[in-house]
Amino acid sequence: MTSPDALVRVATARGVTTLTLDSPHNRNALSTPLMTELLAGLAGAVADGAVRAIVLDHTGPVFCSGADLKETAAAYASGTVPAGMLGDVLVAVRECPKPVVAKVAGPARAGGLGLIAAADLAVCAQEATFAFTEVRIGVIPAVISATVLPRLGQRAAAELYLTGDTFDGRRAAEIGLVTAAVPADELDAAIERYCASLVKGAPGALAGAKELLRRPAGPELRAEIAELAALSTGYFLSDEGREGVTAFREKRPAAWVPAGD
């Protein structure tokens, strides 16, 4: 049974484990406690022989707002930031031997997009919005690039990484970030259809098919993520990163934003 205080709720039915991000007070930000619980939930689903597929869901209007900037600011004194742990989560989702489906009913930002891209399938509401907002707080989408860039064309990636602009579910589907975008009232049904198909696959065959899909990345994925996680941490600890996080928390423009914008 999931604890009442859990940040990730676990439920299993008909061969599908649903891991629900349940931290709406901070828009399901990727805090260390939430990521720890998410890793445990994934491991539990993998170990359960009755589970054929995993769904990543969320409570509240926001799927995931990215790194927990409050926790990040508090961690500066120690010289580490929780963004580094995101690499472990992305590896766990990407290398999970069971199909992972992201159900995105609301906005996703920054690290949340890395989580969506790591999933094998992702379905969003057409009204959901997305943005790679890292450059606007003085950092870069480093660690998530390991899962995001293989999904996107180079032109779309350059536009969205460099501008930080918001785009909707339809655009997310067009560029390959998500599998499909559907009207909000059809999202549950779409997820159910995919899960109904996935549970029909043999466990060994599903795992083998996932290995085939991962072959272009090969055994270098862990090394790549470790390098990018270190790069991401460096940006969070930089002067720009500190200023960006502080400005965001204080709800003011960062120092590099031209006056009047």
Protein backbone atom coordinates (compact mmCIF):
# COMPACT_ATOMS: atom_id res chain seq x y z
CA MET A 1 0.00 0.00 0.00
CA THR A 2 1.26 3.46 -0.90
CA SER A 3 1.95 5.78 2.04
CA PRO A 4 -0.45 8.72 2.42
CA ASP A 5 2.59 11.00 2.28
CA ALA A 6 4.01 9.44 -0.87
CA LEU A 7 5.11 11.70 -3.71
CA VAL A 8 4.72 8.85 -6.20
CA ARG A 9 1.62 6.71 -5.92
CA VAL A 10 1.70 3.13 -7.16
CA ALA A 11 -1.28 1.15 -8.42
CA THR A 12 -1.38 -2.06 -10.44
CA ALA A 13 -4.32 -3.45 -12.40
CA ARG A 14 -4.66 -5.74 -15.40
CA GLY A 15 -0.93 -6.03 -15.96
CA VAL A 16 -0.25 -2.30 -15.83
CA THR A 17 1.48 -0.44 -13.01
CA THR A 18 0.65 3.25 -12.84
CA LEU A 19 3.20 5.51 -11.16
CA THR A 20 1.50 8.81 -10.39
CA LEU A 21 3.57 11.88 -9.60
CA ASP A 22 1.71 13.33 -6.63
CA SER A 23 3.47 16.52 -5.58
CA PRO A 24 1.07 19.18 -6.90
CA HIS A 25 2.19 21.78 -4.37
CA ASN A 26 5.38 22.29 -6.41
CA ARG A 27 3.95 21.22 -9.77
CA ASN A 28 5.44 17.74 -9.51
CA ALA A 29 8.97 19.15 -9.55
CA LEU A 30 11.80 16.64 -9.71
CA SER A 31 12.91 16.81 -6.09
CA THR A 32 15.28 14.25 -4.63
CA PRO A 33 12.48 12.58 -2.59
CA LEU A 34 10.18 12.35 -5.62
CA MET A 35 12.92 10.94 -7.86
CA THR A 36 13.88 8.45 -5.15
CA GLU A 37 10.30 7.22 -4.95
CA LEU A 38 9.99 7.11 -8.71
CA LEU A 39 13.09 4.93 -8.98
CA ALA A 40 11.68 2.62 -6.30
CA GLY A 41 8.35 2.43 -8.11
CA LEU A 42 10.03 1.55 -11.39
CA ALA A 43 12.14 -1.12 -9.71
CA GLY A 44 9.07 -2.62 -8.07
CA ALA A 45 7.20 -2.76 -11.37
CA VAL A 46 10.15 -4.41 -13.09
CA ALA A 47 10.39 -7.03 -10.34
CA ASP A 48 6.67 -7.87 -10.52
CA GLY A 49 6.27 -10.68 -13.01
CA ALA A 50 2.60 -9.85 -13.53
CA VAL A 51 3.34 -6.35 -14.79
CA ARG A 52 3.59 -5.92 -18.55
CA ALA A 53 3.62 -2.13 -18.88
CA ILE A 54 4.14 1.00 -16.80
CA VAL A 55 2.27 4.30 -17.04
CA LEU A 56 3.70 7.59 -15.75
CA ASP A 57 0.75 9.73 -14.67
CA HIS A 58 0.36 12.85 -12.53
CA THR A 59 -2.02 14.59 -10.17
CA GLY A 60 -2.74 18.29 -10.40
CA PRO A 61 -2.79 20.38 -13.57
CA VAL A 62 0.97 20.10 -14.28
CA PHE A 63 2.71 16.93 -15.44
CA CYS A 64 6.17 18.02 -14.28
CA SER A 65 7.76 21.45 -13.92
CA GLY A 66 11.34 20.17 -14.11
CA ALA A 67 14.01 20.51 -11.44
CA ASP A 68 12.94 21.51 -7.95
CA LEU A 69 14.47 25.00 -7.90
CA LYS A 70 13.71 25.53 -4.22
CA GLU A 71 15.71 22.43 -3.35
CA THR A 72 18.38 23.48 -5.84
CA ALA A 73 18.81 26.89 -4.22
CA ALA A 74 19.05 25.31 -0.76
CA ALA A 75 21.68 22.85 -2.01
CA TYR A 76 24.08 25.47 -3.36
CA ALA A 77 25.92 25.63 -0.04
CA SER A 78 26.88 21.97 -0.36
CA GLY A 79 28.18 22.35 -3.90
CA THR A 80 25.76 19.77 -5.29
CA VAL A 81 22.37 20.06 -6.92
CA PRO A 82 19.56 17.49 -7.29
CA ALA A 83 19.61 17.82 -11.10
CA GLY A 84 22.42 15.27 -11.11
CA MET A 85 20.04 12.53 -9.91
CA LEU A 86 17.79 13.07 -12.92
CA GLY A 87 20.27 11.06 -14.98
CA ASP A 88 19.54 7.99 -12.86
CA VAL A 89 15.82 8.42 -13.45
CA LEU A 90 16.23 8.82 -17.22
CA VAL A 91 18.38 5.69 -17.40
CA ALA A 92 15.85 3.73 -15.34
CA VAL A 93 12.97 4.74 -17.62
CA ARG A 94 14.88 4.40 -20.88
CA GLU A 95 16.43 1.02 -19.99
CA CYS A 96 13.35 -0.38 -18.26
CA PRO A 97 12.70 -3.83 -19.77
CA LYS A 98 8.97 -3.14 -19.72
CA PRO A 99 7.25 -0.54 -21.94
CA VAL A 100 6.78 2.83 -20.27
CA VAL A 101 3.96 5.15 -21.33
CA ALA A 102 3.83 8.81 -20.30
CA LYS A 103 0.35 10.27 -19.81
CA VAL A 104 0.61 14.04 -20.07
CA ALA A 105 -2.57 15.92 -19.23
CA GLY A 106 -0.93 19.25 -18.49
CA PRO A 107 2.20 21.36 -18.88
CA ALA A 108 5.72 19.96 -18.80
CA ARG A 109 8.89 21.97 -18.55
CA ALA A 110 12.64 21.34 -18.70
CA GLY A 111 13.46 18.06 -16.93
CA GLY A 112 9.86 16.95 -17.30
CA LEU A 113 10.42 16.81 -21.06
CA GLY A 114 13.39 14.53 -20.50
CA LEU A 115 11.12 12.17 -18.59
CA ILE A 116 8.55 12.21 -21.39
CA ALA A 117 11.21 11.57 -24.03
CA ALA A 118 12.65 8.67 -22.02
CA ALA A 119 9.29 6.89 -22.09
CA ASP A 120 8.66 4.50 -24.97
CA LEU A 121 5.28 6.02 -25.73
CA ALA A 122 3.87 9.38 -24.69
CA VAL A 123 0.36 10.70 -25.18
CA CYS A 124 -0.56 14.25 -24.30
CA ALA A 125 -3.62 16.44 -24.30
CA GLN A 126 -3.58 18.80 -27.27
CA GLU A 127 -3.90 21.67 -24.82
CA ALA A 128 -0.81 20.64 -22.83
CA THR A 129 2.14 22.98 -23.17
CA PHE A 130 5.86 22.32 -23.23
CA ALA A 131 9.06 24.36 -23.06
CA PHE A 132 12.80 23.89 -22.68
CA THR A 133 13.16 26.80 -20.28
CA GLU A 134 16.72 26.11 -19.11
CA VAL A 135 18.48 28.96 -20.93
CA ARG A 136 16.12 31.45 -19.31
CA ILE A 137 17.48 30.55 -15.88
CA GLY A 138 21.10 30.40 -16.98
CA VAL A 139 21.51 26.65 -17.49
CA ILE A 140 21.22 24.27 -20.44
CA PRO A 141 19.11 21.14 -21.09
CA ALA A 142 22.19 18.96 -20.76
CA VAL A 143 21.29 15.67 -19.10
CA ILE A 144 17.85 15.46 -20.74
CA SER A 145 19.46 15.76 -24.17
CA ALA A 146 20.39 12.07 -23.94
CA THR A 147 16.70 11.17 -24.27
CA VAL A 148 15.28 14.27 -25.98
CA LEU A 149 17.59 14.80 -28.94
CA PRO A 150 17.07 11.31 -30.43
CA ARG A 151 13.35 12.20 -30.62
CA LEU A 152 13.67 15.59 -32.31
CA GLY A 153 14.85 16.89 -35.65
CA GLN A 154 17.84 19.24 -35.50
CA ARG A 155 15.92 22.34 -36.59
CA ALA A 156 13.17 21.86 -34.04
CA ALA A 157 15.70 21.14 -31.30
CA ALA A 158 17.70 24.28 -32.10
CA GLU A 159 14.60 26.47 -32.13
CA LEU A 160 13.17 25.16 -28.89
CA TYR A 161 16.44 24.83 -26.95
CA LEU A 162 17.63 28.33 -27.85
CA THR A 163 14.39 30.29 -27.54
CA GLY A 164 12.83 28.54 -24.56
CA ASP A 165 9.49 29.27 -26.19
CA THR A 166 6.31 27.40 -25.28
CA PHE A 167 4.67 24.99 -27.72
CA ASP A 168 1.50 22.94 -27.56
CA GLY A 169 0.64 19.27 -27.75
CA ARG A 170 0.07 19.29 -31.48
CA ARG A 171 3.58 20.65 -32.09
CA ALA A 172 4.99 18.14 -29.61
CA ALA A 173 3.51 15.33 -31.70
CA GLU A 174 4.69 16.87 -34.98
CA ILE A 175 8.32 17.01 -33.84
CA GLY A 176 8.29 13.57 -32.21
CA LEU A 177 8.49 14.54 -28.55
CA VAL A 178 5.23 12.66 -27.96
CA THR A 179 3.61 9.77 -29.78
CA ALA A 180 0.21 11.41 -30.10
CA ALA A 181 -1.76 14.45 -28.99
CA VAL A 182 -5.48 14.01 -28.39
CA PRO A 183 -8.34 16.12 -27.02
CA ALA A 184 -8.19 16.20 -23.24
CA ASP A 185 -11.39 14.22 -22.84
CA GLU A 186 -9.94 11.41 -24.97
CA LEU A 187 -6.63 11.07 -23.12
CA ASP A 188 -7.71 8.31 -20.73
CA ALA A 189 -9.11 6.25 -23.58
CA ALA A 190 -5.97 6.67 -25.66
CA ILE A 191 -3.77 5.48 -22.79
CA GLU A 192 -6.05 2.53 -22.19
CA ARG A 193 -5.84 1.54 -25.87
CA TYR A 194 -2.05 1.56 -25.83
CA CYS A 195 -1.92 -0.39 -22.59
CA ALA A 196 -4.40 -2.94 -23.92
CA SER A 197 -2.05 -3.54 -26.84
CA LEU A 198 1.12 -3.59 -24.75
CA VAL A 199 -0.11 -6.20 -22.28
CA LYS A 200 -0.61 -8.56 -25.18
CA GLY A 201 3.13 -8.69 -25.80
CA ALA A 202 5.25 -11.47 -24.35
CA PRO A 203 7.46 -10.13 -21.54
CA GLY A 204 10.67 -11.43 -23.10
CA ALA A 205 9.71 -10.19 -26.53
CA LEU A 206 8.80 -6.75 -25.22
CA ALA A 207 12.15 -6.52 -23.46
CA GLY A 208 13.93 -7.71 -26.60
CA ALA A 209 12.09 -5.23 -28.79
CA LYS A 210 13.09 -2.44 -26.43
CA GLU A 211 16.72 -3.53 -26.71
CA LEU A 212 16.46 -3.26 -30.49
CA LEU A 213 15.04 0.23 -30.20
CA ARG A 214 17.92 1.24 -27.92
CA ARG A 215 20.67 -0.12 -30.14
CA PRO A 216 21.64 3.23 -31.73
CA ALA A 217 22.49 4.57 -28.27
CA GLY A 218 24.23 1.34 -27.34
CA PRO A 219 26.27 0.82 -24.17
CA GLU A 220 27.47 4.45 -24.19
CA LEU A 221 24.18 5.77 -22.80
CA ARG A 222 25.30 5.62 -19.17
CA ALA A 223 28.60 7.33 -19.96
CA GLU A 224 26.82 9.99 -21.99
CA ILE A 225 24.30 10.68 -19.24
CA ALA A 226 27.04 10.82 -16.60
CA GLU A 227 28.94 13.39 -18.68
CA LEU A 228 25.82 15.44 -19.37
CA ALA A 229 24.72 15.27 -15.74
CA ALA A 230 28.09 16.71 -14.71
CA LEU A 231 27.69 19.43 -17.34
CA SER A 232 24.18 20.23 -16.08
CA THR A 233 25.42 20.42 -12.50
CA GLY A 234 28.15 22.84 -13.56
CA TYR A 235 25.62 25.19 -15.10
CA PHE A 236 23.36 25.09 -12.05
CA LEU A 237 26.38 26.03 -9.92
CA SER A 238 27.51 28.82 -12.25
CA ASP A 239 26.89 32.51 -11.56
CA GLU A 240 24.22 32.58 -14.24
CA GLY A 241 22.57 29.48 -12.88
CA ARG A 242 22.46 30.86 -9.37
CA GLU A 243 21.07 34.17 -10.61
CA GLY A 244 18.48 32.46 -12.78
CA VAL A 245 17.20 30.24 -9.99
CA THR A 246 17.11 33.15 -7.57
CA ALA A 247 15.28 35.39 -10.06
CA PHE A 248 12.76 32.66 -10.78
CA ARG A 249 12.04 32.16 -7.08
CA GLU A 250 11.77 35.92 -6.55
CA LYS A 251 9.48 36.23 -9.58
CA ARG A 252 11.62 38.89 -11.22
CA PRO A 253 13.49 39.07 -14.52
CA ALA A 254 16.99 37.65 -14.41
CA ALA A 255 19.88 40.11 -14.62
CA TRP A 256 20.51 39.37 -18.31
CA VAL A 257 16.94 40.12 -19.42
CA PRO A 258 16.81 43.53 -21.18
CA ALA A 259 14.87 46.19 -19.29
CA GLY A 260 11.24 46.40 -20.36
CA ASP A 261 11.00 42.74 -21.48
